[in-house]
Amino acid sequence: STIYPRSNPGERLIYRGWMLAPDDYSILV
């Protein structure tokens, strides 16, 4: 998965979406 637009170095991201299983959340991180 790629992030679009790409986040900037040093930014902090808050996810707003569907529930994720632990392994999927780890992949998101």
PDB file of all heavy atoms in Angstrom:
ATOM      1  N   SER A   1       0.830  -1.200   0.000  1.00  0.00           N
ATOM      2  CA  SER A   1       0.000   0.000   0.000  1.00  0.00           C
ATOM      3  C   SER A   1       0.867   1.254   0.000  1.00  0.00           C
ATOM      4  O   SER A   1       1.891   1.322   0.686  1.00  0.00           O
ATOM      5  CB  SER A   1      -0.908   0.013   1.230  1.00  0.00           C
ATOM      6  OG  SER A   1      -2.092  -0.691   0.983  1.00  0.00           O
ATOM      7  N   THR A   2       0.442   2.236  -0.773  1.00  0.00           N
ATOM      8  CA  THR A   2       1.123   3.516  -0.774  1.00  0.00           C
ATOM      9  C   THR A   2       0.167   4.591  -0.284  1.00  0.00           C
ATOM     10  O   THR A   2      -1.046   4.490  -0.436  1.00  0.00           O
ATOM     11  CB  THR A   2       1.626   3.872  -2.185  1.00  0.00           C
ATOM     12  OG1 THR A   2       0.510   3.861  -3.091  1.00  0.00           O
ATOM     13  CG2 THR A   2       2.664   2.867  -2.654  1.00  0.00           C
ATOM     14  N   ILE A   3       0.736   5.614   0.294  1.00  0.00           N
ATOM     15  CA  ILE A   3      -0.034   6.719   0.828  1.00  0.00           C
ATOM     16  C   ILE A   3      -0.066   7.834  -0.215  1.00  0.00           C
ATOM     17  O   ILE A   3       0.974   8.207  -0.774  1.00  0.00           O
ATOM     18  CB  ILE A   3       0.593   7.218   2.148  1.00  0.00           C
ATOM     19  CG1 ILE A   3       0.532   6.106   3.203  1.00  0.00           C
ATOM     20  CG2 ILE A   3      -0.091   8.478   2.639  1.00  0.00           C
ATOM     21  CD1 ILE A   3       1.341   6.399   4.438  1.00  0.00           C
ATOM     22  N   TYR A   4      -1.272   8.361  -0.482  1.00  0.00           N
ATOM     23  CA  TYR A   4      -1.408   9.413  -1.488  1.00  0.00           C
ATOM     24  C   TYR A   4      -2.320  10.520  -0.964  1.00  0.00           C
ATOM     25  O   TYR A   4      -3.436  10.231  -0.519  1.00  0.00           O
ATOM     26  CB  TYR A   4      -1.986   8.848  -2.786  1.00  0.00           C
ATOM     27  CG  TYR A   4      -2.100   9.892  -3.866  1.00  0.00           C
ATOM     28  CD1 TYR A   4      -1.005  10.208  -4.673  1.00  0.00           C
ATOM     29  CD2 TYR A   4      -3.299  10.584  -4.057  1.00  0.00           C
ATOM     30  CE1 TYR A   4      -1.105  11.182  -5.655  1.00  0.00           C
ATOM     31  CE2 TYR A   4      -3.400  11.568  -5.030  1.00  0.00           C
ATOM     32  CZ  TYR A   4      -2.302  11.859  -5.828  1.00  0.00           C
ATOM     33  OH  TYR A   4      -2.387  12.824  -6.789  1.00  0.00           O
ATOM     34  N   PRO A   5      -1.875  11.776  -1.003  1.00  0.00           N
ATOM     35  CA  PRO A   5      -0.499  12.197  -1.255  1.00  0.00           C
ATOM     36  C   PRO A   5       0.449  11.654  -0.177  1.00  0.00           C
ATOM     37  O   PRO A   5       0.033  11.441   0.970  1.00  0.00           O
ATOM     38  CB  PRO A   5      -0.575  13.729  -1.190  1.00  0.00           C
ATOM     39  CG  PRO A   5      -2.025  14.071  -1.313  1.00  0.00           C
ATOM     40  CD  PRO A   5      -2.769  12.923  -0.717  1.00  0.00           C
ATOM     41  N   ARG A   6       1.688  11.479  -0.524  1.00  0.00           N
ATOM     42  CA  ARG A   6       2.681  10.910   0.379  1.00  0.00           C
ATOM     43  C   ARG A   6       2.875  11.808   1.581  1.00  0.00           C
ATOM     44  O   ARG A   6       2.918  13.046   1.459  1.00  0.00           O
ATOM     45  CB  ARG A   6       4.006  10.723  -0.361  1.00  0.00           C
ATOM     46  CG  ARG A   6       5.094   9.993   0.423  1.00  0.00           C
ATOM     47  CD  ARG A   6       6.341   9.880  -0.436  1.00  0.00           C
ATOM     48  NE  ARG A   6       7.440   9.260   0.280  1.00  0.00           N
ATOM     49  CZ  ARG A   6       7.671   7.950   0.315  1.00  0.00           C
ATOM     50  NH1 ARG A   6       6.863   7.132  -0.332  1.00  0.00           N
ATOM     51  NH2 ARG A   6       8.711   7.475   0.977  1.00  0.00           N
ATOM     52  N   SER A   7       2.956  11.211   2.753  1.00  0.00           N
ATOM     53  CA  SER A   7       3.185  11.994   3.972  1.00  0.00           C
ATOM     54  C   SER A   7       4.627  12.491   4.000  1.00  0.00           C
ATOM     55  O   SER A   7       5.517  11.945   3.343  1.00  0.00           O
ATOM     56  CB  SER A   7       2.892  11.155   5.216  1.00  0.00           C
ATOM     57  OG  SER A   7       3.557   9.911   5.166  1.00  0.00           O
ATOM     58  N   ASN A   8       4.854  13.550   4.761  1.00  0.00           N
ATOM     59  CA  ASN A   8       6.173  14.169   4.840  1.00  0.00           C
ATOM     60  C   ASN A   8       6.990  13.597   5.985  1.00  0.00           C
ATOM     61  O   ASN A   8       6.433  13.203   7.018  1.00  0.00           O
ATOM     62  CB  ASN A   8       6.025  15.691   5.040  1.00  0.00           C
ATOM     63  CG  ASN A   8       5.271  16.340   3.901  1.00  0.00           C
ATOM     64  OD1 ASN A   8       5.527  16.072   2.735  1.00  0.00           O
ATOM     65  ND2 ASN A   8       4.307  17.193   4.241  1.00  0.00           N
ATOM     66  N   PRO A   9       8.303  13.529   5.838  1.00  0.00           N
ATOM     67  CA  PRO A   9       9.145  13.053   6.942  1.00  0.00           C
ATOM     68  C   PRO A   9       8.883  13.856   8.218  1.00  0.00           C
ATOM     69  O   PRO A   9       8.775  15.085   8.185  1.00  0.00           O
ATOM     70  CB  PRO A   9      10.564  13.298   6.418  1.00  0.00           C
ATOM     71  CG  PRO A   9      10.425  13.237   4.926  1.00  0.00           C
ATOM     72  CD  PRO A   9       9.087  13.852   4.634  1.00  0.00           C
ATOM     73  N   GLY A  10       8.736  13.142   9.321  1.00  0.00           N
ATOM     74  CA  GLY A  10       8.506  13.788  10.606  1.00  0.00           C
ATOM     75  C   GLY A  10       7.047  14.026  10.946  1.00  0.00           C
ATOM     76  O   GLY A  10       6.726  14.372  12.087  1.00  0.00           O
ATOM     77  N   GLU A  11       6.150  13.863   9.981  1.00  0.00           N
ATOM     78  CA  GLU A  11       4.730  14.052  10.256  1.00  0.00           C
ATOM     79  C   GLU A  11       4.191  12.923  11.135  1.00  0.00           C
ATOM     80  O   GLU A  11       4.684  11.806  11.104  1.00  0.00           O
ATOM     81  CB  GLU A  11       3.924  14.075   8.951  1.00  0.00           C
ATOM     82  CG  GLU A  11       3.823  15.415   8.299  1.00  0.00           C
ATOM     83  CD  GLU A  11       2.842  15.413   7.146  1.00  0.00           C
ATOM     84  OE1 GLU A  11       2.846  14.474   6.332  1.00  0.00           O
ATOM     85  OE2 GLU A  11       2.059  16.379   7.042  1.00  0.00           O
ATOM     86  N   ARG A  12       3.130  13.241  11.888  1.00  0.00           N
ATOM     87  CA  ARG A  12       2.387  12.222  12.628  1.00  0.00           C
ATOM     88  C   ARG A  12       1.024  12.064  11.968  1.00  0.00           C
ATOM     89  O   ARG A  12       0.385  13.052  11.618  1.00  0.00           O
ATOM     90  CB  ARG A  12       2.236  12.636  14.090  1.00  0.00           C
ATOM     91  CG  ARG A  12       3.537  12.549  14.873  1.00  0.00           C
ATOM     92  CD  ARG A  12       3.425  13.232  16.208  1.00  0.00           C
ATOM     93  NE  ARG A  12       3.197  14.663  16.041  1.00  0.00           N
ATOM     94  CZ  ARG A  12       2.951  15.499  17.044  1.00  0.00           C
ATOM     95  NH1 ARG A  12       2.873  15.035  18.276  1.00  0.00           N
ATOM     96  NH2 ARG A  12       2.771  16.779  16.816  1.00  0.00           N
ATOM     97  N   LEU A  13       0.618  10.812  11.813  1.00  0.00           N
ATOM     98  CA  LEU A  13      -0.622  10.513  11.103  1.00  0.00           C
ATOM     99  C   LEU A  13      -1.656   9.900  12.044  1.00  0.00           C
ATOM    100  O   LEU A  13      -1.330   9.066  12.885  1.00  0.00           O
ATOM    101  CB  LEU A  13      -0.370   9.553   9.945  1.00  0.00           C
ATOM    102  CG  LEU A  13       0.067  10.176   8.608  1.00  0.00           C
ATOM    103  CD1 LEU A  13       1.438  10.819   8.729  1.00  0.00           C
ATOM    104  CD2 LEU A  13       0.077   9.113   7.505  1.00  0.00           C
ATOM    105  N   ILE A  14      -2.895  10.335  11.872  1.00  0.00           N
ATOM    106  CA  ILE A  14      -4.034   9.751  12.574  1.00  0.00           C
ATOM    107  C   ILE A  14      -4.889   9.036  11.530  1.00  0.00           C
ATOM    108  O   ILE A  14      -5.294   9.645  10.530  1.00  0.00           O
ATOM    109  CB  ILE A  14      -4.879  10.822  13.282  1.00  0.00           C
ATOM    110  CG1 ILE A  14      -4.063  11.520  14.374  1.00  0.00           C
ATOM    111  CG2 ILE A  14      -6.137  10.205  13.885  1.00  0.00           C
ATOM    112  CD1 ILE A  14      -4.802  12.658  15.050  1.00  0.00           C
ATOM    113  N   TYR A  15      -5.157   7.781  11.750  1.00  0.00           N
ATOM    114  CA  TYR A  15      -5.993   7.004  10.854  1.00  0.00           C
ATOM    115  C   TYR A  15      -7.464   7.226  11.195  1.00  0.00           C
ATOM    116  O   TYR A  15      -7.830   7.303  12.368  1.00  0.00           O
ATOM    117  CB  TYR A  15      -5.629   5.517  11.001  1.00  0.00           C
ATOM    118  CG  TYR A  15      -6.540   4.553  10.283  1.00  0.00           C
ATOM    119  CD1 TYR A  15      -6.594   4.524   8.891  1.00  0.00           C
ATOM    120  CD2 TYR A  15      -7.336   3.654  11.000  1.00  0.00           C
ATOM    121  CE1 TYR A  15      -7.427   3.631   8.226  1.00  0.00           C
ATOM    122  CE2 TYR A  15      -8.164   2.756  10.342  1.00  0.00           C
ATOM    123  CZ  TYR A  15      -8.206   2.742   8.960  1.00  0.00           C
ATOM    124  OH  TYR A  15      -9.023   1.850   8.314  1.00  0.00           O
ATOM    125  N   ARG A  16      -8.290   7.347  10.163  1.00  0.00           N
ATOM    126  CA  ARG A  16      -9.744   7.405  10.348  1.00  0.00           C
ATOM    127  C   ARG A  16     -10.370   6.466   9.333  1.00  0.00           C
ATOM    128  O   ARG A  16     -10.442   6.781   8.143  1.00  0.00           O
ATOM    129  CB  ARG A  16     -10.267   8.830  10.140  1.00  0.00           C
ATOM    130  CG  ARG A  16     -10.152   9.730  11.345  1.00  0.00           C
ATOM    131  CD  ARG A  16     -10.978   9.240  12.516  1.00  0.00           C
ATOM    132  NE  ARG A  16     -12.408   9.205  12.220  1.00  0.00           N
ATOM    133  CZ  ARG A  16     -13.308   8.570  12.968  1.00  0.00           C
ATOM    134  NH1 ARG A  16     -12.935   7.885  14.032  1.00  0.00           N
ATOM    135  NH2 ARG A  16     -14.589   8.596  12.635  1.00  0.00           N
ATOM    136  N   GLY A  17     -10.780   5.279   9.804  1.00  0.00           N
ATOM    137  CA  GLY A  17     -11.340   4.337   8.849  1.00  0.00           C
ATOM    138  C   GLY A  17     -11.857   3.077   9.493  1.00  0.00           C
ATOM    139  O   GLY A  17     -12.186   3.049  10.687  1.00  0.00           O
ATOM    140  N   TRP A  18     -11.942   2.019   8.675  1.00  0.00           N
ATOM    141  CA  TRP A  18     -12.464   0.737   9.124  1.00  0.00           C
ATOM    142  C   TRP A  18     -11.567   0.107  10.171  1.00  0.00           C
ATOM    143  O   TRP A  18     -10.357   0.364  10.212  1.00  0.00           O
ATOM    144  CB  TRP A  18     -12.596  -0.214   7.930  1.00  0.00           C
ATOM    145  CG  TRP A  18     -13.327   0.366   6.763  1.00  0.00           C
ATOM    146  CD1 TRP A  18     -12.805   0.724   5.555  1.00  0.00           C
ATOM    147  CD2 TRP A  18     -14.723   0.679   6.689  1.00  0.00           C
ATOM    148  NE1 TRP A  18     -13.780   1.235   4.740  1.00  0.00           N
ATOM    149  CE2 TRP A  18     -14.968   1.222   5.405  1.00  0.00           C
ATOM    150  CE3 TRP A  18     -15.787   0.547   7.584  1.00  0.00           C
ATOM    151  CZ2 TRP A  18     -16.228   1.623   4.998  1.00  0.00           C
ATOM    152  CZ3 TRP A  18     -17.042   0.952   7.167  1.00  0.00           C
ATOM    153  CH2 TRP A  18     -17.257   1.485   5.896  1.00  0.00           C
ATOM    154  N   MET A  19     -12.151  -0.728  11.013  1.00  0.00           N
ATOM    155  CA  MET A  19     -11.364  -1.455  12.005  1.00  0.00           C
ATOM    156  C   MET A  19     -10.325  -2.339  11.313  1.00  0.00           C
ATOM    157  O   MET A  19     -10.605  -2.938  10.268  1.00  0.00           O
ATOM    158  CB  MET A  19     -12.269  -2.323  12.880  1.00  0.00           C
ATOM    159  CG  MET A  19     -13.185  -1.547  13.787  1.00  0.00           C
ATOM    160  SD  MET A  19     -14.186  -2.655  14.823  1.00  0.00           S
ATOM    161  CE  MET A  19     -15.148  -1.445  15.737  1.00  0.00           C
ATOM    162  N   LEU A  20      -9.148  -2.419  11.922  1.00  0.00           N
ATOM    163  CA  LEU A  20      -8.069  -3.237  11.374  1.00  0.00           C
ATOM    164  C   LEU A  20      -7.666  -4.303  12.386  1.00  0.00           C
ATOM    165  O   LEU A  20      -7.577  -4.039  13.580  1.00  0.00           O
ATOM    166  CB  LEU A  20      -6.851  -2.372  11.047  1.00  0.00           C
ATOM    167  CG  LEU A  20      -7.036  -1.303   9.950  1.00  0.00           C
ATOM    168  CD1 LEU A  20      -5.773  -0.466   9.835  1.00  0.00           C
ATOM    169  CD2 LEU A  20      -7.387  -1.948   8.614  1.00  0.00           C
ATOM    170  N   ALA A  21      -7.397  -5.509  11.886  1.00  0.00           N
ATOM    171  CA  ALA A  21      -6.839  -6.561  12.725  1.00  0.00           C
ATOM    172  C   ALA A  21      -5.425  -6.164  13.130  1.00  0.00           C
ATOM    173  O   ALA A  21      -4.792  -5.345  12.457  1.00  0.00           O
ATOM    174  CB  ALA A  21      -6.832  -7.885  11.970  1.00  0.00           C
ATOM    175  N   PRO A  22      -4.905  -6.717  14.233  1.00  0.00           N
ATOM    176  CA  PRO A  22      -3.579  -6.317  14.716  1.00  0.00           C
ATOM    177  C   PRO A  22      -2.481  -6.382  13.661  1.00  0.00           C
ATOM    178  O   PRO A  22      -1.674  -5.456  13.546  1.00  0.00           O
ATOM    179  CB  PRO A  22      -3.317  -7.298  15.859  1.00  0.00           C
ATOM    180  CG  PRO A  22      -4.674  -7.640  16.366  1.00  0.00           C
ATOM    181  CD  PRO A  22      -5.560  -7.676  15.150  1.00  0.00           C
ATOM    182  N   ASP A  23      -2.429  -7.459  12.885  1.00  0.00           N
ATOM    183  CA  ASP A  23      -1.376  -7.584  11.866  1.00  0.00           C
ATOM    184  C   ASP A  23      -1.513  -6.510  10.795  1.00  0.00           C
ATOM    185  O   ASP A  23      -0.508  -5.959  10.327  1.00  0.00           O
ATOM    186  CB  ASP A  23      -1.415  -8.973  11.226  1.00  0.00           C
ATOM    187  CG  ASP A  23      -0.921 -10.063  12.161  1.00  0.00           C
ATOM    188  OD1 ASP A  23      -0.325  -9.724  13.214  1.00  0.00           O
ATOM    189  OD2 ASP A  23      -1.127 -11.253  11.844  1.00  0.00           O
ATOM    190  N   ASP A  24      -2.743  -6.202  10.405  1.00  0.00           N
ATOM    191  CA  ASP A  24      -2.938  -5.157   9.404  1.00  0.00           C
ATOM    192  C   ASP A  24      -2.567  -3.788   9.955  1.00  0.00           C
ATOM    193  O   ASP A  24      -2.030  -2.941   9.226  1.00  0.00           O
ATOM    194  CB  ASP A  24      -4.395  -5.155   8.922  1.00  0.00           C
ATOM    195  CG  ASP A  24      -4.698  -6.303   7.973  1.00  0.00           C
ATOM    196  OD1 ASP A  24      -3.752  -6.848   7.377  1.00  0.00           O
ATOM    197  OD2 ASP A  24      -5.883  -6.672   7.845  1.00  0.00           O
ATOM    198  N   TYR A  25      -2.863  -3.567  11.229  1.00  0.00           N
ATOM    199  CA  TYR A  25      -2.465  -2.278  11.812  1.00  0.00           C
ATOM    200  C   TYR A  25      -0.943  -2.157  11.852  1.00  0.00           C
ATOM    201  O   TYR A  25      -0.387  -1.083  11.614  1.00  0.00           O
ATOM    202  CB  TYR A  25      -3.053  -2.096  13.212  1.00  0.00           C
ATOM    203  CG  TYR A  25      -3.001  -0.651  13.669  1.00  0.00           C
ATOM    204  CD1 TYR A  25      -4.000   0.242  13.316  1.00  0.00           C
ATOM    205  CD2 TYR A  25      -1.927  -0.183  14.421  1.00  0.00           C
ATOM    206  CE1 TYR A  25      -3.937   1.575  13.702  1.00  0.00           C
ATOM    207  CE2 TYR A  25      -1.857   1.148  14.815  1.00  0.00           C
ATOM    208  CZ  TYR A  25      -2.860   2.025  14.449  1.00  0.00           C
ATOM    209  OH  TYR A  25      -2.781   3.346  14.823  1.00  0.00           O
ATOM    210  N   SER A  26      -0.258  -3.258  12.128  1.00  0.00           N
ATOM    211  CA  SER A  26       1.211  -3.252  12.123  1.00  0.00           C
ATOM    212  C   SER A  26       1.745  -2.894  10.732  1.00  0.00           C
ATOM    213  O   SER A  26       2.727  -2.149  10.605  1.00  0.00           O
ATOM    214  CB  SER A  26       1.756  -4.620  12.548  1.00  0.00           C
ATOM    215  OG  SER A  26       1.442  -4.890  13.898  1.00  0.00           O
ATOM    216  N   ILE A  27       1.098  -3.424   9.691  1.00  0.00           N
ATOM    217  CA  ILE A  27       1.514  -3.114   8.322  1.00  0.00           C
ATOM    218  C   ILE A  27       1.254  -1.641   8.020  1.00  0.00           C
ATOM    219  O   ILE A  27       2.061  -0.973   7.350  1.00  0.00           O
ATOM    220  CB  ILE A  27       0.787  -4.014   7.316  1.00  0.00           C
ATOM    221  CG1 ILE A  27       1.158  -5.478   7.547  1.00  0.00           C
ATOM    222  CG2 ILE A  27       1.136  -3.617   5.880  1.00  0.00           C
ATOM    223  CD1 ILE A  27       0.329  -6.456   6.741  1.00  0.00           C
ATOM    224  N   LEU A  28       0.142  -1.114   8.521  1.00  0.00           N
ATOM    225  CA  LEU A  28      -0.143   0.307   8.350  1.00  0.00           C
ATOM    226  C   LEU A  28       0.950   1.157   8.996  1.00  0.00           C
ATOM    227  O   LEU A  28       1.445   2.118   8.395  1.00  0.00           O
ATOM    228  CB  LEU A  28      -1.503   0.642   8.971  1.00  0.00           C
ATOM    229  CG  LEU A  28      -1.911   2.114   8.965  1.00  0.00           C
ATOM    230  CD1 LEU A  28      -2.115   2.616   7.538  1.00  0.00           C
ATOM    231  CD2 LEU A  28      -3.183   2.328   9.782  1.00  0.00           C
ATOM    232  N   VAL A  29       1.329   0.802  10.205  1.00  0.00           N
ATOM    233  CA  VAL A  29       2.409   1.524  10.903  1.00  0.00           C
ATOM    234  C   VAL A  29       3.691   1.498  10.073  1.00  0.00           C
ATOM    235  O   VAL A  29       4.384   2.507   9.919  1.00  0.00           O
ATOM    236  CB  VAL A  29       2.650   0.915  12.298  1.00  0.00           C
ATOM    237  CG1 VAL A  29       3.922   1.479  12.929  1.00  0.00           C
ATOM    238  CG2 VAL A  29       1.450   1.166  13.210  1.00  0.00           C
TER     239      VAL A  29
END
